[in-house]
C-alpha atoms as a PDB file:
ATOM      1  CA  MET A   1     113.246  43.966 -37.403  1.00  0.00           C
ATOM      2  CA  ILE A   2     111.947  42.408 -40.698  1.00  0.00           C
ATOM      3  CA  LEU A   3     109.611  45.275 -41.660  1.00  0.00           C
ATOM      4  CA  LYS A   4     110.719  48.441 -43.291  1.00  0.00           C
ATOM      5  CA  LYS A   5     109.089  51.707 -44.345  1.00  0.00           C
ATOM      6  CA  ASN A   6     106.867  51.353 -47.462  1.00  0.00           C
ATOM      7  CA  ASP A   7     106.433  47.520 -47.207  1.00  0.00           C
ATOM      8  CA  ASN A   8     103.181  45.982 -47.992  1.00  0.00           C
ATOM      9  CA  VAL A   9     101.693  44.146 -45.149  1.00  0.00           C
ATOM     10  CA  ILE A  10      98.627  42.193 -44.074  1.00  0.00           C
ATOM     11  CA  ILE A  11      97.040  42.233 -40.640  1.00  0.00           C
ATOM     12  CA  ILE A  12      96.937  38.697 -39.138  1.00  0.00           C
ATOM     13  CA  SER A  13      95.084  39.440 -35.851  1.00  0.00           C
ATOM     14  CA  GLY A  14      92.984  42.094 -34.158  1.00  0.00           C
ATOM     15  CA  LYS A  15      89.994  44.162 -35.240  1.00  0.00           C
ATOM     16  CA  ASP A  16      91.394  44.790 -38.747  1.00  0.00           C
ATOM     17  CA  LYS A  17      92.336  41.256 -39.539  1.00  0.00           C
ATOM     18  CA  GLY A  18      92.644  40.601 -43.305  1.00  0.00           C
ATOM     19  CA  LYS A  19      93.181  44.217 -44.270  1.00  0.00           C
ATOM     20  CA  LYS A  20      96.222  45.295 -46.378  1.00  0.00           C
ATOM     21  CA  GLY A  21      98.309  48.462 -45.949  1.00  0.00           C
ATOM     22  CA  LYS A  22     101.621  50.220 -46.482  1.00  0.00           C
ATOM     23  CA  VAL A  23     103.953  50.715 -43.522  1.00  0.00           C
ATOM     24  CA  LEU A  24     104.288  54.427 -42.739  1.00  0.00           C
ATOM     25  CA  LYS A  25     106.691  54.339 -39.832  1.00  0.00           C
ATOM     26  CA  VAL A  26     108.723  51.647 -37.866  1.00  0.00           C
ATOM     27  CA  LEU A  27     109.031  52.187 -34.210  1.00  0.00           C
ATOM     28  CA  ARG A  28     112.025  49.861 -33.393  1.00  0.00           C
ATOM     29  CA  LEU A  29     112.314  50.625 -29.672  1.00  0.00           C
ATOM     30  CA  ILE A  30     108.740  49.502 -28.815  1.00  0.00           C
ATOM     31  CA  ASN A  31     108.300  46.970 -31.625  1.00  0.00           C
ATOM     32  CA  LYS A  32     105.386  48.722 -33.329  1.00  0.00           C
ATOM     33  CA  VAL A  33     104.584  49.914 -36.783  1.00  0.00           C
ATOM     34  CA  GLN A  34     102.166  52.407 -38.198  1.00  0.00           C
ATOM     35  CA  ILE A  35     100.147  51.247 -41.174  1.00  0.00           C
ATOM     36  CA  GLU A  36      98.246  53.517 -43.629  1.00  0.00           C
ATOM     37  CA  GLY A  37      94.537  53.411 -42.939  1.00  0.00           C
ATOM     38  CA  ILE A  38      94.731  50.807 -40.291  1.00  0.00           C
ATOM     39  CA  ASN A  39      94.202  51.106 -36.491  1.00  0.00           C
ATOM     40  CA  LEU A  40      92.582  54.556 -36.838  1.00  0.00           C
ATOM     41  CA  LYS A  41      91.554  56.285 -33.601  1.00  0.00           C
ATOM     42  CA  ASN A  42      89.562  59.456 -33.080  1.00  0.00           C
ATOM     43  CA  LYS A  43      91.368  62.464 -31.613  1.00  0.00           C
ATOM     44  CA  HIS A  44      89.338  65.285 -30.187  1.00  0.00           C
ATOM     45  CA  GLN A  45      91.027  68.573 -31.056  1.00  0.00           C
ATOM     46  CA  LYS A  46      90.267  71.778 -29.243  1.00  0.00           C
ATOM     47  CA  PRO A  47      89.791  74.962 -31.169  1.00  0.00           C
ATOM     48  CA  ARG A  48      93.062  76.843 -31.591  1.00  0.00           C
ATOM     49  CA  LYS A  49      91.777  80.277 -32.699  1.00  0.00           C
ATOM     50  CA  GLU A  50      88.818  82.397 -31.532  1.00  0.00           C
ATOM     51  CA  GLY A  51      85.672  81.525 -33.388  1.00  0.00           C
ATOM     52  CA  GLU A  52      87.054  78.194 -34.643  1.00  0.00           C
ATOM     53  CA  LYS A  53      85.186  74.995 -33.621  1.00  0.00           C
ATOM     54  CA  GLY A  54      86.698  71.901 -32.042  1.00  0.00           C
ATOM     55  CA  GLN A  55      86.816  68.820 -34.298  1.00  0.00           C
ATOM     56  CA  THR A  56      87.564  65.112 -34.266  1.00  0.00           C
ATOM     57  CA  ILE A  57      90.206  63.867 -36.515  1.00  0.00           C
ATOM     58  CA  GLN A  58      91.433  60.306 -37.355  1.00  0.00           C
ATOM     59  CA  VAL A  59      94.879  59.396 -36.354  1.00  0.00           C
ATOM     60  CA  ASN A  60      96.984  56.349 -37.372  1.00  0.00           C
ATOM     61  CA  ARG A  61      98.027  54.542 -34.116  1.00  0.00           C
ATOM     62  CA  PRO A  62     100.974  52.175 -33.868  1.00  0.00           C
ATOM     63  CA  MET A  63     100.223  48.429 -33.904  1.00  0.00           C
ATOM     64  CA  ALA A  64     102.401  45.620 -32.598  1.00  0.00           C
ATOM     65  CA  VAL A  65     104.608  43.976 -35.099  1.00  0.00           C
ATOM     66  CA  SER A  66     103.490  40.506 -34.032  1.00  0.00           C
ATOM     67  CA  ASN A  67     100.013  41.249 -35.506  1.00  0.00           C
ATOM     68  CA  VAL A  68     101.329  41.888 -39.103  1.00  0.00           C
ATOM     69  CA  ALA A  69     102.876  39.744 -41.768  1.00  0.00           C
ATOM     70  CA  LEU A  70     104.784  40.750 -44.910  1.00  0.00           C
ATOM     71  CA  PHE A  71     102.570  40.491 -48.027  1.00  0.00           C
ATOM     72  CA  CYS A  72     103.935  38.485 -51.021  1.00  0.00           C
ATOM     73  CA  SER A  73     102.356  39.552 -54.153  1.00  0.00           C
ATOM     74  CA  ALA A  74     103.262  36.240 -55.956  1.00  0.00           C
ATOM     75  CA  CYS A  75     101.657  34.108 -53.228  1.00  0.00           C
ATOM     76  CA  SER A  76      98.994  36.664 -52.486  1.00  0.00           C
ATOM     77  CA  ARG A  77      99.166  36.056 -48.832  1.00  0.00           C
ATOM     78  CA  GLY A  78     101.092  37.061 -45.674  1.00  0.00           C
ATOM     79  CA  VAL A  79     104.393  35.119 -45.482  1.00  0.00           C
ATOM     80  CA  ARG A  80     107.330  34.454 -43.276  1.00  0.00           C
ATOM     81  CA  VAL A  81     110.685  36.057 -44.528  1.00  0.00           C
ATOM     82  CA  ARG A  82     114.046  34.431 -45.132  1.00  0.00           C
ATOM     83  CA  SER A  83     117.291  35.987 -46.099  1.00  0.00           C
ATOM     84  CA  LYS A  84     119.075  35.109 -49.322  1.00  0.00           C
ATOM     85  CA  LEU A  85     122.274  36.127 -50.973  1.00  0.00           C
ATOM     86  CA  VAL A  86     122.045  37.728 -54.356  1.00  0.00           C
ATOM     87  CA  LYS A  87     125.414  39.130 -55.778  1.00  0.00           C
ATOM     88  CA  ASP A  88     126.970  39.107 -52.312  1.00  0.00           C
ATOM     89  CA  LYS A  89     124.127  41.199 -50.792  1.00  0.00           C
ATOM     90  CA  LYS A  90     121.531  39.958 -48.287  1.00  0.00           C
ATOM     91  CA  VAL A  91     117.929  40.333 -49.540  1.00  0.00           C
ATOM     92  CA  ARG A  92     114.642  39.433 -48.056  1.00  0.00           C
ATOM     93  CA  ALA A  93     112.735  36.672 -49.799  1.00  0.00           C
ATOM     94  CA  CYS A  94     109.371  34.936 -49.516  1.00  0.00           C
ATOM     95  CA  HIS A  95     109.781  31.592 -47.507  1.00  0.00           C
ATOM     96  CA  LYS A  96     107.152  29.840 -49.686  1.00  0.00           C
ATOM     97  CA  CYS A  97     108.131  30.840 -53.247  1.00  0.00           C
ATOM     98  CA  GLY A  98     111.509  32.383 -52.870  1.00  0.00           C
ATOM     99  CA  GLN A  99     110.688  35.659 -54.701  1.00  0.00           C
ATOM    100  CA  THR A 100     112.600  38.665 -53.419  1.00  0.00           C
ATOM    101  CA  LEU A 101     110.432  41.149 -51.462  1.00  0.00           C
END
């Protein structure tokens, strides 16, 4: 999988299209990622103690990897990624400008 934790991504389809965020978690087995502040759902929580009220909290839900693209700060757009050798190490690079990501 191309995406890693703490990568900056842009949403390319869905209700949050055009928004940017940071990857919080990568779920490789189901090909999904959790992005900070994107794809929020309301979760209704029951009271846990006596006298406490129930509440609704917002939770980040996973999103399909196919709906996001890695964000290149030099191009300032979502880009495809290619691998490039730098000092005998493979690094991810922007397909358009060639800058390492």
